[in-house]
Amino acid sequence: MRIARYTTGEDPAYGIVQEKDGRDMVYGITGDPLYTEIRPTGRILPLDGVRLLAPVIPRSKVVCVGRNYAEHARELGNEVPEQALFFLKPNTAVVGPGEPVMLPAYSREVSLEAELAVVIKHMVKDLTPEQVPAAILGYTCANDLTARDAQRDESQWFRAKAFDTSCPLGPWIETDLDPSSLRIGSAVDGQSAQDGTTADMLRPVAELIAEISHVTTLLPGDVVLTGTPAGVRTVEAGSTVDVTIEGIGTLTSPIVRR
């Protein structure tokens, strides 16, 4: 099931995206699927007639995982960490499909990072890997944009990772997905940049989320970014970045300079 958050110029609403007669349609649902039972409203709209928004705005945090693909660690000259490397993005970093990524004034080297994002369904703490699937609402595409020059200059990654618009999410949440072996890639102006598979994660989704839950309580709507494959590259103002994940779809973001 594909859960989308959208607008037609009115207040944001949720819907289920399904194909009908060869055309994707949005079937409206009541409330917020994180907190209320899904019920149809009877409103049906063509997908190309609505504007998709970020499918979730995290209630408290986006937890990110660094260097979870060995080849990506090597391409930046880094060792694979002995323990998982975690950092945070604020919810103000989140934007939706088609919304511009604003390059920060202090950086001249912002890189794309295509990532599988996991949306948490329940408040959870101290999970085992076996308990993780029940805590997941679904999956979406993410771009962990990184000010690489700022990242090199500081031991903390706040400027590098937390700037506004640095975490595009979308186009929707796919609830029925096995994350163990999905093609994941990115492109800039149609030219391929990354082409990998989630099977190459050093730590798979269940292991990551279990470990994160031993550090911090995860809340409904929190998002976990699971790392990026090799092939990251700098993006420039005026370009368009696509992140595509098998079984989910494509997240598109225009890049602009403040």
Protein backbone atom coordinates (compact mmCIF):
# COMPACT_ATOMS: atom_id res chain seq x y z
CA MET A 1 0.00 0.00 0.00
CA ARG A 2 1.29 3.43 -0.97
CA ILE A 3 0.36 6.13 1.56
CA ALA A 4 0.75 9.65 0.21
CA ARG A 5 0.41 13.07 1.82
CA TYR A 6 -0.83 15.67 -0.62
CA THR A 7 -2.56 18.97 -1.18
CA THR A 8 -4.86 20.44 -3.80
CA GLY A 9 -4.29 23.94 -2.45
CA GLU A 10 -6.21 23.21 0.73
CA ASP A 11 -4.98 21.70 4.02
CA PRO A 12 -2.69 18.66 3.64
CA ALA A 13 -4.49 15.32 3.45
CA TYR A 14 -3.59 11.65 3.23
CA GLY A 15 -4.54 9.19 0.54
CA ILE A 16 -3.81 5.75 -0.86
CA VAL A 17 -2.23 5.71 -4.32
CA GLN A 18 -3.61 2.97 -6.56
CA GLU A 19 -3.83 2.37 -10.26
CA LYS A 20 -7.23 2.45 -11.92
CA ASP A 21 -7.71 1.87 -15.64
CA GLY A 22 -4.01 2.45 -16.26
CA ARG A 23 -3.87 5.72 -14.32
CA ASP A 24 -2.59 6.38 -10.80
CA MET A 25 -5.30 7.76 -8.54
CA VAL A 26 -5.31 9.07 -4.97
CA TYR A 27 -8.08 7.67 -2.75
CA GLY A 28 -8.60 10.02 0.18
CA ILE A 29 -8.49 8.71 3.74
CA THR A 30 -9.40 10.32 7.04
CA GLY A 31 -6.97 11.55 9.65
CA ASP A 32 -3.33 10.56 10.04
CA PRO A 33 -2.45 6.88 9.40
CA LEU A 34 0.11 6.99 12.21
CA TYR A 35 -2.57 7.65 14.79
CA THR A 36 -5.99 6.78 13.40
CA GLU A 37 -7.62 3.90 11.60
CA ILE A 38 -7.60 4.35 7.83
CA ARG A 39 -11.10 5.06 6.52
CA PRO A 40 -11.99 6.17 2.97
CA THR A 41 -13.43 9.64 2.53
CA GLY A 42 -14.90 8.87 -0.89
CA ARG A 43 -12.73 11.51 -2.53
CA ILE A 44 -10.79 10.21 -5.55
CA LEU A 45 -8.34 12.38 -7.48
CA PRO A 46 -5.85 11.72 -10.27
CA LEU A 47 -2.31 11.62 -8.92
CA ASP A 48 -1.17 14.13 -11.53
CA GLY A 49 -3.84 16.53 -10.27
CA VAL A 50 -2.44 16.87 -6.74
CA ARG A 51 0.84 18.12 -5.28
CA LEU A 52 2.63 15.49 -3.25
CA LEU A 53 4.11 16.59 0.07
CA ALA A 54 6.68 14.91 2.29
CA PRO A 55 4.83 11.70 3.24
CA VAL A 56 5.72 12.24 6.89
CA ILE A 57 7.03 15.13 8.97
CA PRO A 58 8.97 13.44 11.79
CA ARG A 59 7.50 14.21 15.19
CA SER A 60 10.91 14.49 16.77
CA LYS A 61 13.87 13.41 14.64
CA VAL A 62 15.49 11.84 11.62
CA VAL A 63 18.13 9.34 12.72
CA CYS A 64 20.81 8.78 10.07
CA VAL A 65 23.41 6.08 9.63
CA GLY A 66 26.83 6.92 8.24
CA ARG A 67 29.14 4.63 6.27
CA ASN A 68 26.74 1.69 6.11
CA TYR A 69 27.98 0.72 2.63
CA ALA A 70 31.64 -0.28 2.46
CA GLU A 71 32.28 1.13 -1.02
CA HIS A 72 30.84 4.51 -0.06
CA ALA A 73 33.13 4.67 2.98
CA ARG A 74 36.11 3.86 0.76
CA GLU A 75 35.26 6.42 -1.93
CA LEU A 76 35.51 9.17 0.69
CA GLY A 77 38.72 7.74 2.12
CA ASN A 78 37.10 6.50 5.33
CA GLU A 79 37.38 3.24 7.20
CA VAL A 80 34.31 1.12 7.80
CA PRO A 81 33.31 1.89 11.42
CA GLU A 82 33.52 -0.91 13.95
CA GLN A 83 30.24 0.23 15.46
CA ALA A 84 27.33 1.88 13.67
CA LEU A 85 27.82 5.61 13.11
CA PHE A 86 24.68 7.59 13.97
CA PHE A 87 23.78 11.26 13.63
CA LEU A 88 20.60 13.36 13.57
CA LYS A 89 18.81 15.67 11.17
CA PRO A 90 16.09 17.98 12.53
CA ASN A 91 12.56 17.78 11.14
CA THR A 92 13.12 21.24 9.62
CA ALA A 93 15.45 19.53 7.12
CA VAL A 94 12.53 17.60 5.62
CA VAL A 95 10.95 18.66 2.32
CA GLY A 96 8.72 16.79 -0.11
CA PRO A 97 8.85 15.74 -3.75
CA GLY A 98 9.52 18.60 -6.14
CA GLU A 99 10.35 21.06 -3.35
CA PRO A 100 13.65 22.88 -3.88
CA VAL A 101 16.80 21.99 -1.99
CA MET A 102 18.39 25.29 -0.91
CA LEU A 103 22.18 25.08 -0.99
CA PRO A 104 23.52 26.75 2.15
CA ALA A 105 25.56 29.93 1.69
CA TYR A 106 28.50 28.54 3.68
CA SER A 107 29.06 25.53 1.39
CA ARG A 108 30.35 25.15 -2.16
CA GLU A 109 30.40 21.35 -2.13
CA VAL A 110 27.01 19.78 -1.42
CA SER A 111 26.70 16.08 -2.27
CA LEU A 112 23.68 13.90 -2.92
CA GLU A 113 23.18 10.65 -0.98
CA ALA A 114 20.35 8.32 -2.04
CA GLU A 115 19.01 6.38 0.94
CA LEU A 116 16.25 4.00 1.94
CA ALA A 117 14.20 5.69 4.67
CA VAL A 118 12.23 3.77 7.31
CA VAL A 119 9.14 5.32 8.93
CA ILE A 120 8.47 4.24 12.51
CA LYS A 121 4.89 3.32 13.45
CA HIS A 122 4.93 2.96 17.26
CA MET A 123 6.84 4.38 20.20
CA VAL A 124 9.57 1.79 20.79
CA LYS A 125 12.62 1.30 22.96
CA ASP A 126 15.19 -1.49 23.37
CA LEU A 127 13.98 -3.64 20.48
CA THR A 128 15.47 -6.91 19.33
CA PRO A 129 15.93 -7.28 15.55
CA GLU A 130 13.05 -9.74 15.54
CA GLN A 131 10.73 -7.09 17.00
CA VAL A 132 11.61 -4.40 14.45
CA PRO A 133 9.22 -5.30 11.57
CA ALA A 134 6.17 -4.72 13.80
CA ALA A 135 7.48 -1.21 14.59
CA ILE A 136 7.72 -0.11 10.94
CA LEU A 137 4.92 1.67 9.09
CA GLY A 138 6.77 1.54 5.77
CA TYR A 139 9.55 2.84 3.58
CA THR A 140 10.24 5.84 1.38
CA CYS A 141 13.06 7.43 -0.63
CA ALA A 142 15.40 9.94 0.96
CA ASN A 143 18.28 12.18 -0.07
CA ASP A 144 20.75 12.86 2.75
CA LEU A 145 22.27 15.99 1.23
CA THR A 146 25.63 16.79 2.78
CA ALA A 147 27.78 19.91 2.80
CA ARG A 148 30.96 17.95 2.26
CA ASP A 149 33.36 20.88 2.82
CA ALA A 150 31.73 21.63 6.18
CA GLN A 151 31.86 17.94 7.07
CA ARG A 152 35.63 17.89 6.50
CA ASP A 153 36.20 21.07 8.50
CA GLU A 154 34.37 20.04 11.70
CA SER A 155 34.33 16.97 13.91
CA GLN A 156 30.61 17.51 14.50
CA TRP A 157 28.35 17.29 11.44
CA PHE A 158 25.68 19.84 12.33
CA ARG A 159 26.45 22.31 9.51
CA ALA A 160 27.13 19.49 7.08
CA LYS A 161 23.94 17.54 7.64
CA ALA A 162 21.29 19.63 9.40
CA PHE A 163 20.68 22.58 7.08
CA ASP A 164 17.10 23.35 6.01
CA THR A 165 15.89 21.26 3.03
CA SER A 166 18.75 18.74 3.43
CA CYS A 167 16.38 15.78 3.77
CA PRO A 168 13.92 15.37 0.89
CA LEU A 169 11.49 12.46 1.46
CA GLY A 170 8.96 10.84 -0.87
CA PRO A 171 7.10 10.29 -3.02
CA TRP A 172 5.01 8.18 -0.60
CA ILE A 173 5.31 5.50 2.09
CA GLU A 174 5.27 1.94 0.76
CA THR A 175 4.01 -0.38 3.50
CA ASP A 176 4.46 -3.72 1.72
CA LEU A 177 8.17 -4.06 1.02
CA ASP A 178 11.06 -6.36 1.83
CA PRO A 179 14.06 -4.00 2.27
CA SER A 180 16.75 -6.67 2.11
CA SER A 181 17.67 -6.47 -1.59
CA LEU A 182 16.39 -3.40 -3.44
CA ARG A 183 18.05 -1.48 -6.24
CA ILE A 184 18.83 2.04 -5.06
CA GLY A 185 20.27 4.81 -7.16
CA SER A 186 20.45 8.48 -7.98
CA ALA A 187 20.78 10.62 -11.07
CA VAL A 188 21.59 14.28 -11.77
CA ASP A 189 19.82 15.80 -14.76
CA GLY A 190 19.13 12.28 -15.97
CA GLN A 191 22.77 11.14 -15.70
CA SER A 192 23.27 8.16 -13.40
CA ALA A 193 25.32 8.80 -10.26
CA GLN A 194 24.69 5.94 -7.82
CA ASP A 195 23.60 2.40 -8.65
CA GLY A 196 23.60 0.02 -5.71
CA THR A 197 21.54 -2.44 -3.72
CA THR A 198 20.40 -2.53 -0.12
CA ALA A 199 21.83 -6.05 0.01
CA ASP A 200 25.23 -4.34 0.38
CA MET A 201 24.33 -2.67 3.69
CA LEU A 202 26.87 -3.55 6.36
CA ARG A 203 24.07 -3.59 8.90
CA PRO A 204 20.56 -4.44 7.64
CA VAL A 205 17.44 -2.50 8.55
CA ALA A 206 16.32 -4.64 11.49
CA GLU A 207 19.76 -4.59 13.09
CA LEU A 208 20.10 -0.83 12.66
CA ILE A 209 16.74 0.06 14.14
CA ALA A 210 17.19 -2.32 17.05
CA GLU A 211 20.54 -0.71 17.86
CA ILE A 212 19.15 2.81 17.50
CA SER A 213 16.28 1.94 19.85
CA HIS A 214 18.83 1.07 22.55
CA VAL A 215 20.21 4.61 22.25
CA THR A 216 17.02 6.65 21.96
CA THR A 217 13.28 6.13 22.10
CA LEU A 218 11.78 6.12 18.62
CA LEU A 219 8.42 7.85 18.27
CA PRO A 220 5.62 7.46 15.71
CA GLY A 221 6.64 9.28 12.56
CA ASP A 222 10.35 9.26 13.31
CA VAL A 223 12.43 8.43 10.24
CA VAL A 224 15.60 6.35 10.01
CA LEU A 225 17.95 6.84 7.03
CA THR A 226 19.97 3.69 6.41
CA GLY A 227 23.08 4.85 4.55
CA THR A 228 24.05 5.43 0.94
CA PRO A 229 25.83 3.35 -1.71
CA ALA A 230 28.93 4.48 -3.59
CA GLY A 231 28.75 7.07 -6.35
CA VAL A 232 27.95 10.24 -4.39
CA ARG A 233 28.69 13.44 -6.28
CA THR A 234 28.41 17.19 -5.89
CA VAL A 235 25.22 18.87 -7.07
CA GLU A 236 25.01 22.38 -8.46
CA ALA A 237 22.30 25.04 -8.47
CA GLY A 238 20.01 24.59 -11.45
CA SER A 239 20.30 20.81 -11.52
CA THR A 240 17.64 18.23 -10.70
CA VAL A 241 18.32 15.16 -8.58
CA ASP A 242 16.36 11.90 -8.75
CA VAL A 243 16.52 9.20 -6.08
CA THR A 244 14.98 5.92 -7.20
CA ILE A 245 14.40 2.83 -5.05
CA GLU A 246 12.98 -0.41 -6.38
CA GLY A 247 9.46 -1.07 -5.11
CA ILE A 248 8.92 2.53 -4.00
CA GLY A 249 9.44 4.98 -6.86
CA THR A 250 11.36 8.16 -7.60
CA LEU A 251 11.92 11.26 -5.47
CA THR A 252 12.80 14.35 -7.51
CA SER A 253 14.38 17.51 -6.09
CA PRO A 254 15.44 20.72 -7.90
CA ILE A 255 18.61 22.31 -6.54
CA VAL A 256 18.77 26.09 -5.99
CA ARG A 257 21.21 28.54 -4.40
CA ARG A 258 20.04 31.03 -1.77
